[in-house]
Amino acid sequence: MNKPVLSLKGLHRDYALGDGRTLAVLKGVDLEVQPGELVGLVGPSGSGKSSLLHAVGLLEAAPNARLVIDGEDFHSADERKRTAARLQKIGFVYQFHHLLPEYTALGNVALPQRILGRPVKEAEARARQLLEALGLGERLDHLPAQLSGGEQQRVAVARALANKPRLLLADEPTGNLDPATSQQVFDALKAIIKEQGVGALIATHNLELARHMDRVVRLSDGQLVPMDFAAE
């Protein structure tokens, strides 16, 4: 059996309230994600989905948890190590694409590779491969303003995968799209994740979309519980 891309044990997250009390949002969360697996993350607003993604994505320290990504332990990693991992091991997709408006689709996807020092030709070849796989082969030279919402989000997916991450984290990646476009973007995302063996944790409010994932977990009272659609 493959080793998990993500192994998280015992994540707690408390937030201070204005009156001196603390609010426990995450209460010892455990989670594993396997290579090529799409795991849906659902739960009401305020349940801790973003907090979980931030910790797993090394955007926030998680000193009380054991966090292993692609075989590397980040339990007590300093900021330098976390920053390097965010560039090399983790890809991020958000509800809004955050593309750079002055760069073409090809340029947006090549940029994170250039930050890692990849030569221009190699970076553009990888960008072209990803964009073509996502159905954007005819849109390489278009600026974000010249693309539809669904096309912009597919560029964002390609950018997240540009540096060949082992783990993809997505926070409502289709939440700003209409249902038909949302399904198209998700189908493209799922196909390329399966093809490249990337583990993915996708937070969404869209339960219909979640049904198409390999597994869905729900945040309930600070804990992750498996979601059984047959029982819903």
Protein backbone atom coordinates (compact mmCIF):
# COMPACT_ATOMS: atom_id res chain seq x y z
CA MET A 1 0.00 0.00 0.00
CA ASN A 2 1.27 3.49 -0.82
CA LYS A 3 2.34 5.74 2.00
CA PRO A 4 -0.12 8.60 2.58
CA VAL A 5 0.66 11.95 1.03
CA LEU A 6 -0.77 13.57 4.15
CA SER A 7 -0.78 12.20 7.68
CA LEU A 8 -2.19 14.46 10.39
CA LYS A 9 -2.67 13.45 14.01
CA GLY A 10 -4.01 15.40 16.96
CA LEU A 11 -4.62 18.85 15.48
CA HIS A 12 -6.12 21.27 17.97
CA ARG A 13 -7.04 24.88 17.23
CA ASP A 14 -8.36 27.33 19.83
CA TYR A 15 -9.25 30.97 19.26
CA ALA A 16 -9.34 33.68 21.91
CA LEU A 17 -12.65 35.46 22.37
CA GLY A 18 -12.93 39.11 23.31
CA ASP A 19 -14.15 38.39 26.84
CA GLY A 20 -11.11 36.34 27.78
CA ARG A 21 -12.59 32.95 26.97
CA THR A 22 -11.30 30.62 24.26
CA LEU A 23 -13.24 28.78 21.58
CA ALA A 24 -12.07 25.27 20.71
CA VAL A 25 -12.65 24.85 16.96
CA LEU A 26 -10.56 21.75 16.21
CA LYS A 27 -10.35 19.10 18.93
CA GLY A 28 -7.72 16.56 18.00
CA VAL A 29 -8.32 16.11 14.26
CA ASP A 30 -6.75 13.07 12.56
CA LEU A 31 -6.64 12.70 8.77
CA GLU A 32 -4.81 10.76 6.07
CA VAL A 33 -4.91 11.36 2.31
CA GLN A 34 -3.50 8.81 -0.13
CA PRO A 35 -1.82 9.49 -3.49
CA GLY A 36 -4.45 10.08 -6.17
CA GLU A 37 -7.25 10.33 -3.60
CA LEU A 38 -9.80 13.15 -3.57
CA VAL A 39 -11.11 13.76 -0.07
CA GLY A 40 -14.01 16.14 0.35
CA LEU A 41 -14.18 18.32 3.46
CA VAL A 42 -17.61 19.61 4.44
CA GLY A 43 -19.12 21.36 7.42
CA PRO A 44 -21.06 24.52 8.29
CA SER A 45 -19.44 27.95 8.26
CA GLY A 46 -17.31 28.39 11.36
CA SER A 47 -16.75 24.66 11.84
CA GLY A 48 -13.01 24.96 11.19
CA LYS A 49 -12.56 23.96 7.55
CA SER A 50 -10.31 26.91 6.74
CA SER A 51 -8.36 26.44 9.97
CA LEU A 52 -7.72 22.83 9.03
CA LEU A 53 -6.59 23.78 5.52
CA HIS A 54 -4.31 26.52 6.85
CA ALA A 55 -2.61 24.11 9.25
CA VAL A 56 -2.21 21.35 6.67
CA GLY A 57 -1.00 23.91 4.11
CA LEU A 58 1.69 25.12 6.55
CA LEU A 59 0.21 28.61 6.56
CA GLU A 60 -0.16 28.36 10.33
CA ALA A 61 2.02 26.51 12.80
CA ALA A 62 0.52 23.41 14.42
CA PRO A 63 2.92 22.73 17.31
CA ASN A 64 0.63 20.29 19.09
CA ALA A 65 -0.02 18.08 16.05
CA ARG A 66 1.99 15.53 14.13
CA LEU A 67 1.98 16.58 10.47
CA VAL A 68 3.75 14.54 7.78
CA ILE A 69 3.58 15.57 4.12
CA ASP A 70 5.12 13.34 1.46
CA GLY A 71 7.11 11.52 4.14
CA GLU A 72 8.54 14.70 5.70
CA ASP A 73 7.71 15.62 9.29
CA PHE A 74 6.65 19.24 9.84
CA HIS A 75 5.83 18.97 13.54
CA SER A 76 8.34 21.65 14.58
CA ALA A 77 9.32 23.07 11.18
CA ASP A 78 10.56 26.65 11.08
CA GLU A 79 9.16 29.23 8.63
CA ARG A 80 11.93 28.65 6.10
CA LYS A 81 11.15 24.95 5.88
CA ARG A 82 7.40 25.59 5.69
CA THR A 83 7.86 28.17 2.90
CA ALA A 84 9.97 25.75 0.86
CA ALA A 85 7.35 23.03 1.27
CA ARG A 86 4.55 25.35 0.16
CA LEU A 87 6.44 25.93 -3.08
CA GLN A 88 7.49 22.35 -3.71
CA LYS A 89 5.09 19.95 -2.02
CA ILE A 90 1.73 21.74 -1.78
CA GLY A 91 -0.57 23.33 -4.35
CA PHE A 92 -3.39 25.73 -3.42
CA VAL A 93 -6.66 26.54 -5.22
CA TYR A 94 -9.05 29.10 -3.78
CA GLN A 95 -12.63 30.18 -4.53
CA PHE A 96 -11.28 33.19 -6.44
CA HIS A 97 -8.55 32.50 -8.96
CA HIS A 98 -6.11 35.30 -7.95
CA LEU A 99 -4.43 35.23 -11.36
CA LEU A 100 -1.99 38.01 -12.18
CA PRO A 101 -3.87 40.19 -14.68
CA GLU A 102 -0.79 41.25 -16.67
CA TYR A 103 0.30 37.66 -17.38
CA THR A 104 -1.21 35.30 -19.95
CA ALA A 105 -2.58 31.92 -18.96
CA LEU A 106 0.76 30.40 -19.93
CA GLY A 107 2.67 33.05 -17.97
CA ASN A 108 0.57 32.56 -14.83
CA VAL A 109 1.29 28.83 -14.81
CA ALA A 110 4.97 29.24 -15.66
CA LEU A 111 5.57 31.82 -12.90
CA PRO A 112 5.69 29.53 -9.82
CA GLN A 113 8.13 27.33 -11.68
CA ARG A 114 10.34 30.29 -12.47
CA ILE A 115 10.33 31.20 -8.76
CA LEU A 116 11.88 27.79 -8.12
CA GLY A 117 14.54 28.52 -10.73
CA ARG A 118 13.23 26.37 -13.58
CA PRO A 119 14.42 27.55 -17.02
CA VAL A 120 11.89 29.50 -19.10
CA LYS A 121 11.50 26.88 -21.82
CA GLU A 122 11.05 24.07 -19.31
CA ALA A 123 8.56 26.10 -17.27
CA GLU A 124 6.52 27.03 -20.34
CA ALA A 125 6.54 23.45 -21.60
CA ARG A 126 5.13 22.23 -18.27
CA ALA A 127 2.57 25.07 -18.27
CA ARG A 128 1.48 24.23 -21.80
CA GLN A 129 1.11 20.54 -20.91
CA LEU A 130 -1.11 21.30 -17.91
CA LEU A 131 -3.26 23.86 -19.70
CA GLU A 132 -3.81 21.54 -22.64
CA ALA A 133 -4.76 18.72 -20.25
CA LEU A 134 -7.34 21.07 -18.73
CA GLY A 135 -8.80 21.94 -22.13
CA LEU A 136 -7.16 25.34 -22.52
CA GLY A 137 -4.79 24.61 -25.36
CA GLU A 138 -6.36 27.36 -27.46
CA ARG A 139 -6.23 29.94 -24.66
CA LEU A 140 -2.52 29.94 -23.75
CA ASP A 141 -1.88 33.51 -24.84
CA HIS A 142 -5.05 35.00 -23.38
CA LEU A 143 -4.99 37.33 -20.38
CA PRO A 144 -7.28 36.51 -17.42
CA ALA A 145 -9.71 39.27 -18.44
CA GLN A 146 -10.17 37.50 -21.78
CA LEU A 147 -11.13 34.20 -20.14
CA SER A 148 -14.45 33.04 -18.71
CA GLY A 149 -14.81 32.34 -15.01
CA GLY A 150 -14.46 28.60 -15.55
CA GLU A 151 -11.39 29.08 -17.74
CA GLN A 152 -9.77 31.33 -15.15
CA GLN A 153 -10.32 28.73 -12.46
CA ARG A 154 -8.81 26.00 -14.64
CA VAL A 155 -5.74 28.21 -15.10
CA ALA A 156 -5.61 28.48 -11.29
CA VAL A 157 -5.74 24.68 -11.05
CA ALA A 158 -2.89 24.38 -13.56
CA ARG A 159 -0.86 26.94 -11.60
CA ALA A 160 -1.42 24.98 -8.37
CA LEU A 161 -0.08 21.84 -10.05
CA ALA A 162 2.80 23.54 -11.89
CA ASN A 163 5.54 22.58 -9.43
CA LYS A 164 4.37 18.94 -9.26
CA PRO A 165 3.09 19.06 -5.67
CA ARG A 166 2.24 15.87 -3.83
CA LEU A 167 -0.71 17.47 -2.02
CA LEU A 168 -3.40 19.78 -3.42
CA LEU A 169 -5.53 21.87 -1.06
CA ALA A 170 -8.65 23.57 -2.39
CA ASP A 171 -10.99 25.91 -0.52
CA GLU A 172 -14.36 26.15 -2.32
CA PRO A 173 -12.61 25.92 -5.73
CA THR A 174 -15.89 26.04 -7.65
CA GLY A 175 -17.89 28.17 -5.20
CA ASN A 176 -17.90 31.20 -7.48
CA LEU A 177 -19.13 29.33 -10.57
CA ASP A 178 -22.53 28.30 -11.90
CA PRO A 179 -23.45 24.60 -11.49
CA ALA A 180 -22.59 23.51 -15.05
CA THR A 181 -19.23 25.29 -15.06
CA SER A 182 -18.54 24.06 -11.53
CA GLN A 183 -18.95 20.45 -12.69
CA GLN A 184 -16.68 21.03 -15.70
CA VAL A 185 -13.91 22.49 -13.56
CA PHE A 186 -14.23 19.70 -11.00
CA ASP A 187 -14.15 16.99 -13.68
CA ALA A 188 -10.98 18.51 -15.15
CA LEU A 189 -9.42 18.77 -11.69
CA LYS A 190 -10.30 15.18 -10.82
CA ALA A 191 -8.90 13.79 -14.07
CA ILE A 192 -5.54 15.48 -13.72
CA ILE A 193 -5.24 14.57 -10.02
CA LYS A 194 -5.85 10.92 -10.84
CA GLU A 195 -3.41 11.02 -13.73
CA GLN A 196 -0.60 12.58 -11.69
CA GLY A 197 -1.25 10.76 -8.39
CA VAL A 198 -1.72 13.90 -6.33
CA GLY A 199 -3.53 13.66 -3.02
CA ALA A 200 -6.28 16.29 -2.71
CA LEU A 201 -8.26 17.75 0.19
CA ILE A 202 -11.14 19.85 -1.11
CA ALA A 203 -13.36 21.96 1.14
CA THR A 204 -16.79 22.58 -0.35
CA HIS A 205 -20.38 23.44 0.52
CA ASN A 206 -21.51 21.73 -2.69
CA LEU A 207 -22.73 18.32 -1.55
CA GLU A 208 -23.60 17.28 -5.10
CA LEU A 209 -19.97 17.86 -6.07
CA ALA A 210 -18.78 16.07 -2.93
CA ARG A 211 -20.62 12.92 -4.04
CA HIS A 212 -18.13 12.58 -6.89
CA MET A 213 -15.12 12.48 -4.57
CA ASP A 214 -13.47 9.29 -3.34
CA ARG A 215 -14.31 10.00 0.28
CA VAL A 216 -15.97 12.78 2.24
CA VAL A 217 -15.36 13.79 5.84
CA ARG A 218 -17.40 16.27 7.85
CA LEU A 219 -16.26 18.58 10.62
CA SER A 220 -18.64 18.18 13.52
CA ASP A 221 -17.95 19.60 16.98
CA GLY A 222 -14.25 19.88 16.25
CA GLN A 223 -13.86 16.32 14.99
CA LEU A 224 -13.75 14.72 11.55
CA VAL A 225 -16.39 12.08 10.92
CA PRO A 226 -16.92 10.04 7.73
CA MET A 227 -19.91 11.19 5.70
CA ASP A 228 -22.30 8.53 4.45
CA PHE A 229 -24.49 9.97 1.70
CA ALA A 230 -26.77 6.94 1.82
CA ALA A 231 -27.73 7.92 5.35
CA GLU A 232 -28.30 11.60 4.55
